[in-house]
PDB file of N, CA and C in Angstrom:
ATOM      1  N   MET A   1      18.750 -13.257 -17.279  1.00  0.00           N
ATOM      2  CA  MET A   1      18.973 -13.236 -15.847  1.00  0.00           C
ATOM      3  C   MET A   1      20.455 -13.019 -15.522  1.00  0.00           C
ATOM      4  N   ALA A   2      21.336 -13.526 -16.343  1.00  0.00           N
ATOM      5  CA  ALA A   2      22.767 -13.364 -16.091  1.00  0.00           C
ATOM      6  C   ALA A   2      23.182 -11.906 -16.164  1.00  0.00           C
ATOM      7  N   ILE A   3      22.559 -11.137 -17.068  1.00  0.00           N
ATOM      8  CA  ILE A   3      22.870  -9.716 -17.202  1.00  0.00           C
ATOM      9  C   ILE A   3      22.454  -8.972 -15.934  1.00  0.00           C
ATOM     10  N   LEU A   4      21.290  -9.300 -15.380  1.00  0.00           N
ATOM     11  CA  LEU A   4      20.829  -8.649 -14.161  1.00  0.00           C
ATOM     12  C   LEU A   4      21.725  -8.976 -12.970  1.00  0.00           C
ATOM     13  N   ARG A   5      22.296 -10.157 -12.934  1.00  0.00           N
ATOM     14  CA  ARG A   5      23.169 -10.544 -11.821  1.00  0.00           C
ATOM     15  C   ARG A   5      24.397  -9.638 -11.749  1.00  0.00           C
ATOM     16  N   ARG A   6      24.842  -9.112 -12.889  1.00  0.00           N
ATOM     17  CA  ARG A   6      25.996  -8.231 -12.898  1.00  0.00           C
ATOM     18  C   ARG A   6      25.699  -6.943 -12.121  1.00  0.00           C
ATOM     19  N   TYR A   7      24.462  -6.457 -12.225  1.00  0.00           N
ATOM     20  CA  TYR A   7      24.068  -5.221 -11.560  1.00  0.00           C
ATOM     21  C   TYR A   7      23.472  -5.462 -10.181  1.00  0.00           C
ATOM     22  N   PHE A   8      22.838  -6.599  -9.990  1.00  0.00           N
ATOM     23  CA  PHE A   8      22.197  -6.942  -8.717  1.00  0.00           C
ATOM     24  C   PHE A   8      22.711  -8.295  -8.249  1.00  0.00           C
ATOM     25  N   PRO A   9      23.880  -8.333  -7.623  1.00  0.00           N
ATOM     26  CA  PRO A   9      24.484  -9.620  -7.254  1.00  0.00           C
ATOM     27  C   PRO A   9      23.689 -10.386  -6.198  1.00  0.00           C
ATOM     28  N   SER A  10      22.922  -9.701  -5.364  1.00  0.00           N
ATOM     29  CA  SER A  10      22.131 -10.400  -4.373  1.00  0.00           C
ATOM     30  C   SER A  10      20.651 -10.351  -4.763  1.00  0.00           C
ATOM     31  N   PRO A  11      19.874 -11.346  -4.356  1.00  0.00           N
ATOM     32  CA  PRO A  11      18.458 -11.406  -4.759  1.00  0.00           C
ATOM     33  C   PRO A  11      17.658 -10.215  -4.248  1.00  0.00           C
ATOM     34  N   ILE A  12      16.703  -9.768  -5.053  1.00  0.00           N
ATOM     35  CA  ILE A  12      15.800  -8.691  -4.681  1.00  0.00           C
ATOM     36  C   ILE A  12      14.387  -9.258  -4.651  1.00  0.00           C
ATOM     37  N   ALA A  13      13.693  -9.029  -3.537  1.00  0.00           N
ATOM     38  CA  ALA A  13      12.316  -9.496  -3.401  1.00  0.00           C
ATOM     39  C   ALA A  13      11.381  -8.337  -3.699  1.00  0.00           C
ATOM     40  N   ALA A  14      10.352  -8.601  -4.497  1.00  0.00           N
ATOM     41  CA  ALA A  14       9.367  -7.585  -4.841  1.00  0.00           C
ATOM     42  C   ALA A  14       8.015  -7.989  -4.268  1.00  0.00           C
ATOM     43  N   VAL A  15       7.322  -7.021  -3.658  1.00  0.00           N
ATOM     44  CA  VAL A  15       6.013  -7.251  -3.076  1.00  0.00           C
ATOM     45  C   VAL A  15       5.071  -6.189  -3.639  1.00  0.00           C
ATOM     46  N   ALA A  16       3.891  -6.624  -4.068  1.00  0.00           N
ATOM     47  CA  ALA A  16       2.865  -5.698  -4.553  1.00  0.00           C
ATOM     48  C   ALA A  16       1.582  -5.969  -3.777  1.00  0.00           C
ATOM     49  N   ILE A  17       1.018  -4.914  -3.179  1.00  0.00           N
ATOM     50  CA  ILE A  17      -0.193  -5.014  -2.390  1.00  0.00           C
ATOM     51  C   ILE A  17      -1.294  -4.231  -3.100  1.00  0.00           C
ATOM     52  N   VAL A  18      -2.415  -4.887  -3.367  1.00  0.00           N
ATOM     53  CA  VAL A  18      -3.540  -4.209  -4.011  1.00  0.00           C
ATOM     54  C   VAL A  18      -4.176  -3.262  -2.995  1.00  0.00           C
ATOM     55  N   THR A  19      -4.234  -1.964  -3.336  1.00  0.00           N
ATOM     56  CA  THR A  19      -4.795  -0.976  -2.425  1.00  0.00           C
ATOM     57  C   THR A  19      -6.156  -0.468  -2.869  1.00  0.00           C
ATOM     58  N   ASN A  20      -6.485  -0.601  -4.163  1.00  0.00           N
ATOM     59  CA  ASN A  20      -7.770  -0.118  -4.654  1.00  0.00           C
ATOM     60  C   ASN A  20      -8.104  -0.823  -5.961  1.00  0.00           C
ATOM     61  N   VAL A  21      -9.384  -1.130  -6.151  1.00  0.00           N
ATOM     62  CA  VAL A  21      -9.873  -1.717  -7.399  1.00  0.00           C
ATOM     63  C   VAL A  21     -11.088  -0.914  -7.844  1.00  0.00           C
ATOM     64  N   ASN A  22     -11.033  -0.406  -9.087  1.00  0.00           N
ATOM     65  CA  ASN A  22     -12.150   0.316  -9.673  1.00  0.00           C
ATOM     66  C   ASN A  22     -12.665  -0.518 -10.839  1.00  0.00           C
ATOM     67  N   VAL A  23     -13.754  -1.234 -10.625  1.00  0.00           N
ATOM     68  CA  VAL A  23     -14.268  -2.177 -11.613  1.00  0.00           C
ATOM     69  C   VAL A  23     -14.792  -1.452 -12.846  1.00  0.00           C
ATOM     70  N   GLU A  24     -15.511  -0.316 -12.644  1.00  0.00           N
ATOM     71  CA  GLU A  24     -16.082   0.403 -13.788  1.00  0.00           C
ATOM     72  C   GLU A  24     -15.021   0.908 -14.757  1.00  0.00           C
ATOM     73  N   LYS A  25     -13.919   1.415 -14.209  1.00  0.00           N
ATOM     74  CA  LYS A  25     -12.849   1.948 -15.061  1.00  0.00           C
ATOM     75  C   LYS A  25     -11.758   0.925 -15.356  1.00  0.00           C
ATOM     76  N   ARG A  26     -11.916  -0.298 -14.826  1.00  0.00           N
ATOM     77  CA  ARG A  26     -10.963  -1.403 -15.028  1.00  0.00           C
ATOM     78  C   ARG A  26      -9.552  -1.007 -14.586  1.00  0.00           C
ATOM     79  N   ARG A  27      -9.454  -0.368 -13.420  1.00  0.00           N
ATOM     80  CA  ARG A  27      -8.164   0.066 -12.885  1.00  0.00           C
ATOM     81  C   ARG A  27      -7.886  -0.595 -11.546  1.00  0.00           C
ATOM     82  N   CYS A  28      -6.619  -0.796 -11.295  1.00  0.00           N
ATOM     83  CA  CYS A  28      -6.184  -1.411 -10.053  1.00  0.00           C
ATOM     84  C   CYS A  28      -4.965  -0.622  -9.540  1.00  0.00           C
ATOM     85  N   ALA A  29      -4.979  -0.250  -8.267  1.00  0.00           N
ATOM     86  CA  ALA A  29      -3.858   0.468  -7.665  1.00  0.00           C
ATOM     87  C   ALA A  29      -3.069  -0.480  -6.767  1.00  0.00           C
ATOM     88  N   LEU A  30      -1.744  -0.377  -6.845  1.00  0.00           N
ATOM     89  CA  LEU A  30      -0.864  -1.243  -6.071  1.00  0.00           C
ATOM     90  C   LEU A  30       0.145  -0.405  -5.297  1.00  0.00           C
ATOM     91  N   GLU A  31       0.498  -0.871  -4.117  1.00  0.00           N
ATOM     92  CA  GLU A  31       1.649  -0.332  -3.377  1.00  0.00           C
ATOM     93  C   GLU A  31       2.776  -1.334  -3.594  1.00  0.00           C
ATOM     94  N   THR A  32       3.934  -0.876  -4.038  1.00  0.00           N
ATOM     95  CA  THR A  32       5.027  -1.785  -4.365  1.00  0.00           C
ATOM     96  C   THR A  32       6.236  -1.511  -3.461  1.00  0.00           C
ATOM     97  N   ILE A  33       6.914  -2.602  -3.088  1.00  0.00           N
ATOM     98  CA  ILE A  33       8.103  -2.532  -2.245  1.00  0.00           C
ATOM     99  C   ILE A  33       9.121  -3.535  -2.780  1.00  0.00           C
ATOM    100  N   CYS A  34      10.374  -3.117  -2.930  1.00  0.00           N
ATOM    101  CA  CYS A  34      11.457  -4.014  -3.325  1.00  0.00           C
ATOM    102  C   CYS A  34      12.518  -4.000  -2.230  1.00  0.00           C
ATOM    103  N   LEU A  35      12.905  -5.189  -1.799  1.00  0.00           N
ATOM    104  CA  LEU A  35      13.872  -5.347  -0.712  1.00  0.00           C
ATOM    105  C   LEU A  35      15.052  -6.202  -1.154  1.00  0.00           C
ATOM    106  N   ARG A  36      16.234  -5.820  -0.678  1.00  0.00           N
ATOM    107  CA  ARG A  36      17.419  -6.670  -0.830  1.00  0.00           C
ATOM    108  C   ARG A  36      17.834  -7.034   0.582  1.00  0.00           C
ATOM    109  N   GLY A  37      17.447  -8.230   1.001  1.00  0.00           N
ATOM    110  CA  GLY A  37      17.606  -8.616   2.398  1.00  0.00           C
ATOM    111  C   GLY A  37      16.640  -7.795   3.236  1.00  0.00           C
ATOM    112  N   ASP A  38      17.164  -7.054   4.214  1.00  0.00           N
ATOM    113  CA  ASP A  38      16.352  -6.156   5.044  1.00  0.00           C
ATOM    114  C   ASP A  38      16.391  -4.721   4.551  1.00  0.00           C
ATOM    115  N   GLU A  39      17.163  -4.442   3.480  1.00  0.00           N
ATOM    116  CA  GLU A  39      17.328  -3.080   2.979  1.00  0.00           C
ATOM    117  C   GLU A  39      16.232  -2.735   1.980  1.00  0.00           C
ATOM    118  N   LEU A  40      15.560  -1.623   2.194  1.00  0.00           N
ATOM    119  CA  LEU A  40      14.550  -1.142   1.260  1.00  0.00           C
ATOM    120  C   LEU A  40      15.249  -0.529   0.055  1.00  0.00           C
ATOM    121  N   VAL A  41      14.968  -1.062  -1.140  1.00  0.00           N
ATOM    122  CA  VAL A  41      15.608  -0.589  -2.368  1.00  0.00           C
ATOM    123  C   VAL A  41      14.704   0.403  -3.096  1.00  0.00           C
ATOM    124  N   VAL A  42      13.445   0.037  -3.286  1.00  0.00           N
ATOM    125  CA  VAL A  42      12.464   0.888  -3.988  1.00  0.00           C
ATOM    126  C   VAL A  42      11.116   0.739  -3.329  1.00  0.00           C
ATOM    127  N   LYS A  43      10.410   1.866  -3.192  1.00  0.00           N
ATOM    128  CA  LYS A  43       9.048   1.851  -2.685  1.00  0.00           C
ATOM    129  C   LYS A  43       8.240   2.820  -3.532  1.00  0.00           C
ATOM    130  N   GLY A  44       7.044   2.418  -3.960  1.00  0.00           N
ATOM    131  CA  GLY A  44       6.251   3.308  -4.768  1.00  0.00           C
ATOM    132  C   GLY A  44       4.856   2.764  -5.017  1.00  0.00           C
ATOM    133  N   ASP A  45       4.145   3.425  -5.902  1.00  0.00           N
ATOM    134  CA  ASP A  45       2.797   3.041  -6.284  1.00  0.00           C
ATOM    135  C   ASP A  45       2.767   2.704  -7.760  1.00  0.00           C
ATOM    136  N   ALA A  46       1.841   1.832  -8.101  1.00  0.00           N
ATOM    137  CA  ALA A  46       1.643   1.470  -9.505  1.00  0.00           C
ATOM    138  C   ALA A  46       0.145   1.458  -9.784  1.00  0.00           C
ATOM    139  N   PHE A  47      -0.217   1.871 -10.988  1.00  0.00           N
ATOM    140  CA  PHE A  47      -1.606   1.844 -11.433  1.00  0.00           C
ATOM    141  C   PHE A  47      -1.682   1.015 -12.700  1.00  0.00           C
ATOM    142  N   LEU A  48      -2.585   0.038 -12.722  1.00  0.00           N
ATOM    143  CA  LEU A  48      -2.692  -0.874 -13.851  1.00  0.00           C
ATOM    144  C   LEU A  48      -4.068  -0.769 -14.488  1.00  0.00           C
ATOM    145  N   LEU A  49      -4.093  -0.887 -15.794  1.00  0.00           N
ATOM    146  CA  LEU A  49      -5.337  -1.027 -16.531  1.00  0.00           C
ATOM    147  C   LEU A  49      -5.565  -2.525 -16.718  1.00  0.00           C
ATOM    148  N   VAL A  50      -6.621  -3.036 -16.138  1.00  0.00           N
ATOM    149  CA  VAL A  50      -6.901  -4.473 -16.141  1.00  0.00           C
ATOM    150  C   VAL A  50      -7.615  -4.841 -17.447  1.00  0.00           C
ATOM    151  N   PRO A  51      -7.101  -5.818 -18.185  1.00  0.00           N
ATOM    152  CA  PRO A  51      -7.752  -6.212 -19.443  1.00  0.00           C
ATOM    153  C   PRO A  51      -9.079  -6.945 -19.193  1.00  0.00           C
ATOM    154  N   THR A  52      -9.940  -6.885 -20.184  1.00  0.00           N
ATOM    155  CA  THR A  52     -11.217  -7.623 -20.106  1.00  0.00           C
ATOM    156  C   THR A  52     -11.004  -9.058 -20.551  1.00  0.00           C
ATOM    157  N   ARG A  53     -11.929  -9.908 -20.243  1.00  0.00           N
ATOM    158  CA  ARG A  53     -11.847 -11.311 -20.680  1.00  0.00           C
ATOM    159  C   ARG A  53     -11.865 -11.421 -22.206  1.00  0.00           C
ATOM    160  N   GLU A  54     -12.602 -10.521 -22.862  1.00  0.00           N
ATOM    161  CA  GLU A  54     -12.676 -10.579 -24.317  1.00  0.00           C
ATOM    162  C   GLU A  54     -11.316 -10.383 -24.959  1.00  0.00           C
ATOM    163  N   MET A  55     -10.443  -9.638 -24.333  1.00  0.00           N
ATOM    164  CA  MET A  55      -9.093  -9.420 -24.884  1.00  0.00           C
ATOM    165  C   MET A  55      -8.305 -10.729 -24.955  1.00  0.00           C
ATOM    166  N   PHE A  56      -8.556 -11.639 -24.025  1.00  0.00           N
ATOM    167  CA  PHE A  56      -7.847 -12.900 -23.983  1.00  0.00           C
ATOM    168  C   PHE A  56      -8.488 -13.963 -24.857  1.00  0.00           C
ATOM    169  N   GLU A  57      -9.771 -13.831 -25.120  1.00  0.00           N
ATOM    170  CA  GLU A  57     -10.495 -14.838 -25.897  1.00  0.00           C
ATOM    171  C   GLU A  57     -10.314 -14.687 -27.401  1.00  0.00           C
ATOM    172  N   THR A  58      -9.837 -13.539 -27.863  1.00  0.00           N
ATOM    173  CA  THR A  58      -9.682 -13.356 -29.314  1.00  0.00           C
ATOM    174  C   THR A  58      -8.347 -13.803 -29.803  1.00  0.00           C
TER     175      THR A  58
END
């Protein structure tokens, strides 16, 4: 965390909103926003492959 403070001296808030869930393909789409105070730093989309329960049980 100390290394990141050198590059980002003020806190950055990250928000991820689920926009779509595809259960058959185990995919989840997110809209992401990063803010430093009221300033928009990064905005984009993310796609995740959701693991199955069996992956955690082994």
